[in-house]
Amino acid sequence: MTASFTEGQSDPTVQPVPASVVEQVDAADTTLHNPKPAVLSLGSNLGNRLETLQGAIDALEDTPGVRIKGVSPVYETEPWGVEPDSQPTYFNAVVVLKTTLPPSSLLERAHAVEEAFHRVRSERWAPRTIDVDIVAYADMVSDDPELTLPHPHAHERAFVLAPWHDVEPDAQLPGRGPVAQLLAAVPREGVAPRADLELRLPE
């Protein structure tokens, strides 16, 4: 696949999804009854980070009631909430999907994917093989402590907003507004696109 961009596009490394793939995904949607859009953020800073991200994307696509619609470019980012140089850098990406699963079941699946890749939950901000967070689910706004929607920190994290904006330039974060405006308001230091890396949309 070759890179393609138009004047004014923020990142020339963003690659459009081929029409044939879009058609396949849309056709698969016929197996879903009244699917809801959702956005997930993926991050890894242990082991083979790119391979782990791709494996997580493939595992999500293999979930009954889930269809991946878009996969963002890869970003390399400094760890959040820890001392500089105390951990390896993260590879981050965002996936946009449609699902018939309710939010609680999608969260269970996200945790199952983390466990499959040996995510260890220890102290907060610890390094991890994979982190799968639900950023947004349809237009839902909820303060449920088990799953706050949208993600309570998404609006202030460039490593979520930048890849999301790449894959969905007109996206809105429920209760917060356009992702493009939110991205313009946050610092982007330590959040760098990796044009040499690519994640595949599952076939």
Protein backbone atom coordinates (compact mmCIF):
# COMPACT_ATOMS: atom_id res chain seq x y z
CA MET A 1 0.00 0.00 0.00
CA THR A 2 1.43 3.40 -0.87
CA ALA A 3 1.03 6.52 1.19
CA SER A 4 -1.42 9.07 -0.08
CA PHE A 5 -2.31 12.50 1.17
CA THR A 6 -3.99 15.69 0.14
CA GLU A 7 -3.06 19.26 0.83
CA GLY A 8 -4.06 20.22 4.35
CA GLN A 9 -3.98 16.67 5.70
CA SER A 10 -2.10 16.77 8.98
CA ASP A 11 -0.06 13.61 8.56
CA PRO A 12 1.16 12.42 5.14
CA THR A 13 1.84 8.95 6.58
CA VAL A 14 -1.89 8.29 7.03
CA GLN A 15 -2.95 5.71 4.50
CA PRO A 16 -6.52 5.47 3.22
CA VAL A 17 -8.37 2.20 3.61
CA PRO A 18 -8.82 0.58 0.18
CA ALA A 19 -12.38 0.67 -1.12
CA SER A 20 -12.41 -3.12 -1.41
CA VAL A 21 -11.66 -3.45 2.30
CA VAL A 22 -14.36 -0.93 3.20
CA GLU A 23 -16.84 -2.93 1.12
CA GLN A 24 -15.85 -6.15 2.88
CA VAL A 25 -16.27 -4.56 6.31
CA ASP A 26 -19.61 -3.01 5.36
CA ALA A 27 -20.77 -6.38 4.04
CA ALA A 28 -19.79 -7.98 7.32
CA ASP A 29 -21.95 -5.42 9.11
CA THR A 30 -25.00 -7.21 7.75
CA THR A 31 -24.28 -9.90 10.35
CA LEU A 32 -24.64 -7.30 13.12
CA HIS A 33 -28.05 -6.10 14.25
CA ASN A 34 -28.12 -2.40 15.13
CA PRO A 35 -24.36 -2.08 15.82
CA LYS A 36 -22.97 0.82 17.85
CA PRO A 37 -19.73 2.67 17.09
CA ALA A 38 -16.92 2.46 19.60
CA VAL A 39 -13.33 3.67 19.84
CA LEU A 40 -10.56 1.76 21.59
CA SER A 41 -7.04 2.90 22.44
CA LEU A 42 -4.20 0.37 22.40
CA GLY A 43 -0.76 0.73 23.95
CA SER A 44 2.27 -1.49 24.51
CA ASN A 45 5.71 -0.85 25.98
CA LEU A 46 6.97 -4.37 26.71
CA GLY A 47 8.08 -7.12 24.34
CA ASN A 48 7.44 -6.90 20.59
CA ARG A 49 5.21 -3.86 20.75
CA LEU A 50 4.07 -3.76 17.12
CA GLU A 51 3.37 -7.50 17.00
CA THR A 52 1.37 -7.26 20.22
CA LEU A 53 -0.73 -4.36 18.94
CA GLN A 54 -1.49 -6.26 15.74
CA GLY A 55 -2.36 -9.38 17.71
CA ALA A 56 -4.76 -7.41 19.90
CA ILE A 57 -6.45 -5.90 16.83
CA ASP A 58 -6.84 -9.36 15.27
CA ALA A 59 -8.25 -10.74 18.53
CA LEU A 60 -10.81 -7.93 18.70
CA GLU A 61 -11.88 -8.62 15.11
CA ASP A 62 -12.31 -12.31 16.01
CA THR A 63 -14.83 -11.33 18.68
CA PRO A 64 -18.44 -12.21 17.78
CA GLY A 65 -20.40 -8.97 17.45
CA VAL A 66 -17.34 -6.82 16.68
CA ARG A 67 -16.22 -5.44 13.30
CA ILE A 68 -13.07 -3.30 13.03
CA LYS A 69 -13.77 -0.32 10.75
CA GLY A 70 -10.48 1.56 10.96
CA VAL A 71 -6.96 1.29 12.37
CA SER A 72 -4.83 4.37 13.01
CA PRO A 73 -1.15 4.93 12.28
CA VAL A 74 1.29 3.97 15.03
CA TYR A 75 2.63 6.59 17.43
CA GLU A 76 5.63 6.24 19.72
CA THR A 77 5.02 7.98 23.01
CA GLU A 78 6.68 8.64 26.31
CA PRO A 79 5.05 6.81 29.24
CA TRP A 80 2.31 8.71 31.04
CA GLY A 81 2.52 9.53 34.75
CA VAL A 82 6.05 8.25 35.48
CA GLU A 83 9.57 9.64 35.74
CA PRO A 84 11.29 10.31 32.39
CA ASP A 85 13.37 7.38 31.07
CA SER A 86 12.06 5.08 33.81
CA GLN A 87 10.20 2.87 31.30
CA PRO A 88 10.43 1.93 27.62
CA THR A 89 8.43 4.08 25.22
CA TYR A 90 4.97 3.01 24.12
CA PHE A 91 3.60 2.19 20.73
CA ASN A 92 0.04 3.53 20.63
CA ALA A 93 -2.82 3.21 18.16
CA VAL A 94 -6.58 3.65 18.00
CA VAL A 95 -9.14 1.34 16.45
CA VAL A 96 -12.63 2.36 15.39
CA LEU A 97 -15.20 -0.42 15.39
CA LYS A 98 -18.87 -1.31 15.30
CA THR A 99 -20.28 -3.70 17.85
CA THR A 100 -23.49 -5.25 19.07
CA LEU A 101 -21.89 -5.90 22.46
CA PRO A 102 -23.00 -3.67 25.33
CA PRO A 103 -20.22 -1.60 26.92
CA SER A 104 -19.78 -4.02 29.83
CA SER A 105 -19.24 -6.97 27.48
CA LEU A 106 -16.85 -4.97 25.30
CA LEU A 107 -14.87 -4.14 28.45
CA GLU A 108 -14.77 -7.83 29.38
CA ARG A 109 -13.43 -8.62 25.92
CA ALA A 110 -10.80 -5.86 26.22
CA HIS A 111 -9.64 -7.37 29.51
CA ALA A 112 -9.59 -10.86 27.97
CA VAL A 113 -7.35 -9.59 25.17
CA GLU A 114 -5.02 -8.03 27.74
CA GLU A 115 -4.85 -11.31 29.65
CA ALA A 116 -4.15 -13.25 26.45
CA PHE A 117 -1.05 -11.09 25.95
CA HIS A 118 0.00 -11.55 29.59
CA ARG A 119 -0.91 -8.09 30.83
CA VAL A 120 0.02 -7.93 34.51
CA ARG A 121 -1.98 -5.49 36.62
CA SER A 122 0.30 -4.25 39.39
CA GLU A 123 0.85 -0.66 40.43
CA ARG A 124 -0.71 2.20 38.50
CA TRP A 125 1.24 3.38 35.41
CA ALA A 126 3.30 0.16 35.42
CA PRO A 127 4.78 -1.04 32.11
CA ARG A 128 2.52 -3.42 30.25
CA THR A 129 2.56 -5.75 27.29
CA ILE A 130 -0.81 -4.38 26.17
CA ASP A 131 -3.36 -1.87 27.37
CA VAL A 132 -6.82 -1.86 25.78
CA ASP A 133 -9.03 1.07 26.83
CA ILE A 134 -12.52 1.94 25.69
CA VAL A 135 -12.29 5.61 24.75
CA ALA A 136 -15.87 6.10 23.63
CA TYR A 137 -19.02 4.04 23.00
CA ALA A 138 -21.60 5.65 20.73
CA ASP A 139 -22.71 8.92 22.38
CA MET A 140 -22.80 7.41 25.85
CA VAL A 141 -21.77 9.49 28.85
CA SER A 142 -21.58 7.57 32.12
CA ASP A 143 -19.81 7.96 35.46
CA ASP A 144 -20.09 4.26 36.30
CA PRO A 145 -16.88 3.48 38.27
CA GLU A 146 -16.56 0.14 36.45
CA LEU A 147 -16.49 1.85 33.06
CA THR A 148 -16.52 5.64 32.84
CA LEU A 149 -17.58 6.84 29.38
CA PRO A 150 -15.99 8.48 27.62
CA HIS A 151 -12.58 7.62 29.08
CA PRO A 152 -12.00 10.26 31.77
CA HIS A 153 -8.53 11.22 30.48
CA ALA A 154 -9.02 10.85 26.71
CA HIS A 155 -9.56 14.57 26.15
CA GLU A 156 -6.13 15.43 27.59
CA ARG A 157 -4.01 12.70 26.00
CA ALA A 158 -2.37 13.41 22.66
CA PHE A 159 -1.45 9.72 22.30
CA VAL A 160 -5.20 8.99 22.11
CA LEU A 161 -6.40 12.09 20.26
CA ALA A 162 -3.70 12.19 17.55
CA PRO A 163 -4.21 8.65 16.19
CA TRP A 164 -7.98 8.96 16.57
CA HIS A 165 -7.95 12.19 14.56
CA ASP A 166 -5.85 10.48 11.88
CA VAL A 167 -8.36 7.70 11.37
CA GLU A 168 -11.52 9.79 11.98
CA PRO A 169 -10.83 13.49 11.33
CA ASP A 170 -14.43 14.56 12.09
CA ALA A 171 -14.75 12.51 15.28
CA GLN A 172 -16.46 13.88 18.37
CA LEU A 173 -15.63 12.89 21.93
CA PRO A 174 -19.00 12.69 23.72
CA GLY A 175 -19.45 15.53 26.17
CA ARG A 176 -16.14 17.14 25.13
CA GLY A 177 -16.51 18.17 21.49
CA PRO A 178 -14.52 17.71 18.27
CA VAL A 179 -11.37 15.61 18.58
CA ALA A 180 -9.57 18.07 16.28
CA GLN A 181 -10.19 20.93 18.74
CA LEU A 182 -9.22 18.83 21.74
CA LEU A 183 -6.00 17.77 20.01
CA ALA A 184 -5.10 21.38 19.21
CA ALA A 185 -5.37 22.23 22.90
CA VAL A 186 -3.03 19.58 24.33
CA PRO A 187 0.79 19.38 24.22
CA ARG A 188 2.19 16.84 21.76
CA GLU A 189 5.72 16.57 23.11
CA GLY A 190 6.78 12.95 23.39
CA VAL A 191 4.08 11.79 20.96
CA ALA A 192 5.63 11.04 17.56
CA PRO A 193 4.16 9.32 14.47
CA ARG A 194 6.11 6.27 13.27
CA ALA A 195 5.81 6.42 9.49
CA ASP A 196 7.98 3.30 9.21
CA LEU A 197 5.45 1.13 11.05
CA GLU A 198 2.01 -0.03 9.98
CA LEU A 199 -0.85 -1.95 11.53
CA ARG A 200 -3.15 -3.94 9.25
CA LEU A 201 -6.90 -3.75 9.13
CA PRO A 202 -8.01 -7.37 9.68
CA GLU A 203 -9.19 -9.09 6.52
